[in-house]
Amino acid sequence: MALEDVGLEAPDEAKELIFNPSEEMQTVLMTRLAEMSEEELGALDEAITPKVMNVLMKFLPELQMLIEKIGEMKEEPSERPQEQIPPEETMGALKGIA
């Protein structure tokens, strides 16, 4: 469906930029993902098949940028030695009891 079909007309500049990814939208999407529970992320992962992913990436080109960043984040920890953090620094509210 084109905008013209619903009585709207996009300016020429908007038509040129329509499929360019937005860093602001990428940040919003990343923040939303970070706020999801493991169960929600699992359901999202199951729901997004390769066929659906192709359509989503056309609709939200920011997803490609997001996928690339996540891929880079997954590669980085194996490249760097793991830093040991003392347990008392990761215990949150129970830190004072230990």
N, C-alpha and C. Protein backbone atom coordinates (compact mmCIF):
# COMPACT_ATOMS: atom_id res chain seq x y z
N MET A 1 0.84 -1.17 0.00
CA MET A 1 0.00 0.00 0.00
C MET A 1 0.88 1.24 0.00
N ALA A 2 0.65 2.13 -0.89
CA ALA A 2 1.40 3.37 -0.98
C ALA A 2 0.67 4.46 -0.20
N LEU A 3 1.42 5.48 0.21
CA LEU A 3 0.80 6.58 0.94
C LEU A 3 -0.31 7.24 0.13
N GLU A 4 -0.10 7.30 -1.18
CA GLU A 4 -1.10 7.92 -2.04
C GLU A 4 -2.43 7.18 -1.98
N ASP A 5 -2.39 5.87 -1.72
CA ASP A 5 -3.61 5.07 -1.63
C ASP A 5 -4.48 5.47 -0.44
N VAL A 6 -3.87 6.06 0.57
CA VAL A 6 -4.64 6.48 1.75
C VAL A 6 -4.79 8.00 1.81
N GLY A 7 -4.50 8.67 0.71
CA GLY A 7 -4.70 10.11 0.63
C GLY A 7 -3.57 10.95 1.19
N LEU A 8 -2.40 10.38 1.37
CA LEU A 8 -1.24 11.12 1.87
C LEU A 8 -0.18 11.19 0.79
N GLU A 9 0.61 12.25 0.85
CA GLU A 9 1.72 12.36 -0.08
C GLU A 9 2.98 12.73 0.69
N ALA A 10 4.01 11.91 0.55
CA ALA A 10 5.27 12.16 1.25
C ALA A 10 6.12 13.13 0.44
N PRO A 11 6.80 14.06 1.14
CA PRO A 11 7.72 14.96 0.44
C PRO A 11 8.84 14.15 -0.21
N ASP A 12 9.44 14.69 -1.27
CA ASP A 12 10.52 14.00 -1.97
C ASP A 12 11.67 13.64 -1.04
N GLU A 13 12.01 14.55 -0.09
CA GLU A 13 13.10 14.27 0.84
C GLU A 13 12.78 13.05 1.70
N ALA A 14 11.55 12.93 2.13
CA ALA A 14 11.14 11.78 2.95
C ALA A 14 11.22 10.50 2.14
N LYS A 15 10.83 10.56 0.88
CA LYS A 15 10.90 9.38 0.02
C LYS A 15 12.34 8.89 -0.13
N GLU A 16 13.29 9.82 -0.21
CA GLU A 16 14.69 9.46 -0.36
C GLU A 16 15.26 8.86 0.93
N LEU A 17 14.78 9.32 2.08
CA LEU A 17 15.33 8.90 3.36
C LEU A 17 14.57 7.73 3.99
N ILE A 18 13.48 7.32 3.37
CA ILE A 18 12.56 6.38 4.02
C ILE A 18 13.21 5.06 4.44
N PHE A 19 14.16 4.55 3.69
CA PHE A 19 14.77 3.28 4.05
C PHE A 19 16.17 3.42 4.63
N ASN A 20 16.55 4.65 4.99
CA ASN A 20 17.83 4.85 5.67
C ASN A 20 17.63 4.60 7.16
N PRO A 21 18.47 3.78 7.78
CA PRO A 21 18.30 3.50 9.21
C PRO A 21 18.54 4.74 10.07
N SER A 22 17.80 4.81 11.15
CA SER A 22 17.91 5.91 12.10
C SER A 22 18.62 5.42 13.35
N GLU A 23 19.67 6.13 13.77
CA GLU A 23 20.38 5.74 15.00
C GLU A 23 19.49 5.93 16.21
N GLU A 24 18.61 6.93 16.18
CA GLU A 24 17.69 7.15 17.30
C GLU A 24 16.73 5.97 17.44
N MET A 25 16.20 5.49 16.33
CA MET A 25 15.29 4.35 16.37
C MET A 25 16.03 3.10 16.83
N GLN A 26 17.27 2.95 16.41
CA GLN A 26 18.07 1.81 16.84
C GLN A 26 18.23 1.83 18.36
N THR A 27 18.48 3.00 18.92
CA THR A 27 18.62 3.14 20.37
C THR A 27 17.32 2.78 21.08
N VAL A 28 16.21 3.22 20.52
CA VAL A 28 14.90 2.90 21.10
C VAL A 28 14.67 1.39 21.08
N LEU A 29 14.96 0.75 19.95
CA LEU A 29 14.76 -0.70 19.83
C LEU A 29 15.67 -1.45 20.80
N MET A 30 16.92 -1.03 20.92
CA MET A 30 17.85 -1.69 21.83
C MET A 30 17.38 -1.54 23.28
N THR A 31 16.88 -0.37 23.63
CA THR A 31 16.37 -0.14 24.97
C THR A 31 15.16 -1.02 25.25
N ARG A 32 14.28 -1.13 24.29
CA ARG A 32 13.11 -1.99 24.46
C ARG A 32 13.51 -3.44 24.64
N LEU A 33 14.47 -3.91 23.85
CA LEU A 33 14.95 -5.28 23.99
C LEU A 33 15.57 -5.51 25.37
N ALA A 34 16.32 -4.53 25.84
CA ALA A 34 16.99 -4.66 27.14
C ALA A 34 15.98 -4.77 28.28
N GLU A 35 14.79 -4.20 28.09
CA GLU A 35 13.77 -4.23 29.13
C GLU A 35 12.91 -5.49 29.10
N MET A 36 13.08 -6.33 28.10
CA MET A 36 12.27 -7.54 27.99
C MET A 36 12.82 -8.65 28.87
N SER A 37 11.92 -9.50 29.36
CA SER A 37 12.33 -10.66 30.17
C SER A 37 12.91 -11.74 29.26
N GLU A 38 13.56 -12.73 29.87
CA GLU A 38 14.10 -13.85 29.10
C GLU A 38 12.99 -14.58 28.36
N GLU A 39 11.83 -14.73 29.00
CA GLU A 39 10.70 -15.41 28.37
C GLU A 39 10.21 -14.64 27.15
N GLU A 40 10.13 -13.32 27.29
CA GLU A 40 9.68 -12.48 26.17
C GLU A 40 10.68 -12.54 25.02
N LEU A 41 11.97 -12.49 25.35
CA LEU A 41 12.99 -12.57 24.31
C LEU A 41 12.94 -13.92 23.60
N GLY A 42 12.70 -14.98 24.37
CA GLY A 42 12.59 -16.32 23.78
C GLY A 42 11.40 -16.41 22.83
N ALA A 43 10.26 -15.84 23.25
CA ALA A 43 9.07 -15.84 22.40
C ALA A 43 9.32 -15.03 21.14
N LEU A 44 9.99 -13.91 21.27
CA LEU A 44 10.32 -13.08 20.11
C LEU A 44 11.24 -13.84 19.16
N ASP A 45 12.20 -14.52 19.71
CA ASP A 45 13.15 -15.30 18.91
C ASP A 45 12.42 -16.41 18.14
N GLU A 46 11.47 -17.06 18.79
CA GLU A 46 10.71 -18.12 18.14
C GLU A 46 9.79 -17.57 17.04
N ALA A 47 9.25 -16.39 17.27
CA ALA A 47 8.29 -15.81 16.34
C ALA A 47 8.93 -15.26 15.07
N ILE A 48 10.18 -14.85 15.17
CA ILE A 48 10.84 -14.21 14.03
C ILE A 48 11.55 -15.28 13.20
N THR A 49 10.85 -15.77 12.21
CA THR A 49 11.42 -16.74 11.26
C THR A 49 12.23 -15.98 10.22
N PRO A 50 13.06 -16.66 9.42
CA PRO A 50 13.81 -15.96 8.37
C PRO A 50 12.89 -15.19 7.42
N LYS A 51 11.74 -15.75 7.08
CA LYS A 51 10.81 -15.07 6.18
C LYS A 51 10.28 -13.78 6.80
N VAL A 52 9.92 -13.86 8.08
CA VAL A 52 9.42 -12.68 8.80
C VAL A 52 10.55 -11.66 8.97
N MET A 53 11.76 -12.15 9.23
CA MET A 53 12.89 -11.25 9.44
C MET A 53 13.16 -10.38 8.21
N ASN A 54 13.05 -10.96 7.03
CA ASN A 54 13.27 -10.19 5.80
C ASN A 54 12.27 -9.04 5.69
N VAL A 55 11.03 -9.30 6.03
CA VAL A 55 10.00 -8.25 5.98
C VAL A 55 10.26 -7.20 7.05
N LEU A 56 10.60 -7.66 8.26
CA LEU A 56 10.87 -6.73 9.35
C LEU A 56 12.06 -5.83 9.04
N MET A 57 13.09 -6.38 8.40
CA MET A 57 14.27 -5.57 8.08
C MET A 57 13.95 -4.54 7.01
N LYS A 58 12.99 -4.83 6.15
CA LYS A 58 12.57 -3.83 5.17
C LYS A 58 11.76 -2.74 5.87
N PHE A 59 10.92 -3.16 6.82
CA PHE A 59 10.08 -2.22 7.56
C PHE A 59 10.90 -1.40 8.55
N LEU A 60 11.87 -2.04 9.21
CA LEU A 60 12.73 -1.38 10.20
C LEU A 60 14.20 -1.64 9.86
N PRO A 61 14.80 -0.85 8.97
CA PRO A 61 16.19 -1.08 8.59
C PRO A 61 17.15 -0.99 9.78
N GLU A 62 16.69 -0.40 10.87
CA GLU A 62 17.53 -0.32 12.07
C GLU A 62 17.84 -1.70 12.63
N LEU A 63 17.00 -2.68 12.33
CA LEU A 63 17.24 -4.04 12.80
C LEU A 63 18.56 -4.59 12.29
N GLN A 64 18.92 -4.27 11.06
CA GLN A 64 20.19 -4.75 10.51
C GLN A 64 21.35 -4.20 11.34
N MET A 65 21.30 -2.91 11.65
CA MET A 65 22.33 -2.29 12.48
C MET A 65 22.37 -2.95 13.86
N LEU A 66 21.19 -3.21 14.40
CA LEU A 66 21.07 -3.82 15.71
C LEU A 66 21.65 -5.23 15.73
N ILE A 67 21.34 -6.00 14.72
CA ILE A 67 21.85 -7.37 14.60
C ILE A 67 23.37 -7.36 14.50
N GLU A 68 23.91 -6.43 13.72
CA GLU A 68 25.36 -6.34 13.58
C GLU A 68 26.02 -5.99 14.91
N LYS A 69 25.43 -5.04 15.65
CA LYS A 69 26.01 -4.65 16.95
C LYS A 69 25.96 -5.80 17.93
N ILE A 70 24.84 -6.52 17.96
CA ILE A 70 24.72 -7.66 18.87
C ILE A 70 25.74 -8.73 18.50
N GLY A 71 25.94 -8.96 17.20
CA GLY A 71 26.94 -9.91 16.75
C GLY A 71 28.33 -9.51 17.20
N GLU A 72 28.65 -8.23 17.12
CA GLU A 72 29.95 -7.74 17.57
C GLU A 72 30.10 -7.91 19.07
N MET A 73 29.02 -7.67 19.82
CA MET A 73 29.07 -7.81 21.28
C MET A 73 29.30 -9.26 21.68
N LYS A 74 28.73 -10.20 20.93
CA LYS A 74 28.91 -11.61 21.24
C LYS A 74 30.34 -12.05 20.94
N GLU A 75 30.98 -11.45 19.94
CA GLU A 75 32.34 -11.82 19.57
C GLU A 75 33.37 -11.24 20.54
N GLU A 76 33.12 -10.04 21.05
CA GLU A 76 34.09 -9.34 21.89
C GLU A 76 34.49 -10.10 23.15
N PRO A 77 33.56 -10.66 23.94
CA PRO A 77 34.00 -11.32 25.18
C PRO A 77 35.00 -12.44 24.97
N SER A 78 34.90 -13.18 23.89
CA SER A 78 35.84 -14.27 23.67
C SER A 78 37.22 -13.76 23.28
N GLU A 79 37.28 -12.53 22.78
CA GLU A 79 38.55 -11.96 22.39
C GLU A 79 39.32 -11.40 23.58
N ARG A 80 38.57 -10.99 24.63
CA ARG A 80 39.20 -10.42 25.81
C ARG A 80 39.18 -11.42 26.95
N PRO A 81 40.22 -11.43 27.80
CA PRO A 81 40.19 -12.32 28.96
C PRO A 81 39.10 -11.86 29.93
N GLN A 82 38.42 -12.81 30.56
CA GLN A 82 37.36 -12.49 31.50
C GLN A 82 37.96 -11.89 32.77
N GLU A 83 37.41 -10.74 33.19
CA GLU A 83 37.87 -10.08 34.40
C GLU A 83 37.07 -10.63 35.57
N GLN A 84 37.76 -11.04 36.62
CA GLN A 84 37.09 -11.56 37.80
C GLN A 84 36.62 -10.41 38.67
N ILE A 85 35.33 -10.40 39.02
CA ILE A 85 34.76 -9.38 39.88
C ILE A 85 34.46 -10.04 41.22
N PRO A 86 34.94 -9.44 42.32
CA PRO A 86 34.67 -10.03 43.63
C PRO A 86 33.17 -10.16 43.86
N PRO A 87 32.71 -11.27 44.45
CA PRO A 87 31.27 -11.50 44.64
C PRO A 87 30.57 -10.37 45.37
N GLU A 88 31.25 -9.75 46.34
CA GLU A 88 30.59 -8.68 47.10
C GLU A 88 30.24 -7.48 46.23
N GLU A 89 30.89 -7.32 45.08
CA GLU A 89 30.58 -6.20 44.19
C GLU A 89 29.38 -6.49 43.29
N THR A 90 28.94 -7.73 43.23
CA THR A 90 27.83 -8.09 42.35
C THR A 90 26.59 -8.53 43.11
N MET A 91 26.58 -8.40 44.44
CA MET A 91 25.51 -8.96 45.25
C MET A 91 24.33 -8.02 45.47
N GLY A 92 24.41 -6.77 45.08
CA GLY A 92 23.28 -5.86 45.23
C GLY A 92 22.90 -5.61 46.68
N ALA A 93 21.61 -5.75 47.00
CA ALA A 93 21.09 -5.41 48.31
C ALA A 93 21.66 -6.26 49.43
N LEU A 94 22.11 -7.49 49.13
CA LEU A 94 22.65 -8.37 50.16
C LEU A 94 24.14 -8.17 50.40
N LYS A 95 24.74 -7.20 49.76
CA LYS A 95 26.18 -6.97 49.86
C LYS A 95 26.63 -6.74 51.31
N GLY A 96 25.85 -5.99 52.09
CA GLY A 96 26.24 -5.67 53.45
C GLY A 96 26.20 -6.86 54.40
N ILE A 97 25.47 -7.91 54.05
CA ILE A 97 25.32 -9.08 54.90
C ILE A 97 26.52 -10.01 54.76
N ALA A 98 27.11 -10.08 53.59
CA ALA A 98 28.21 -11.04 53.33
C ALA A 98 29.46 -10.69 54.09
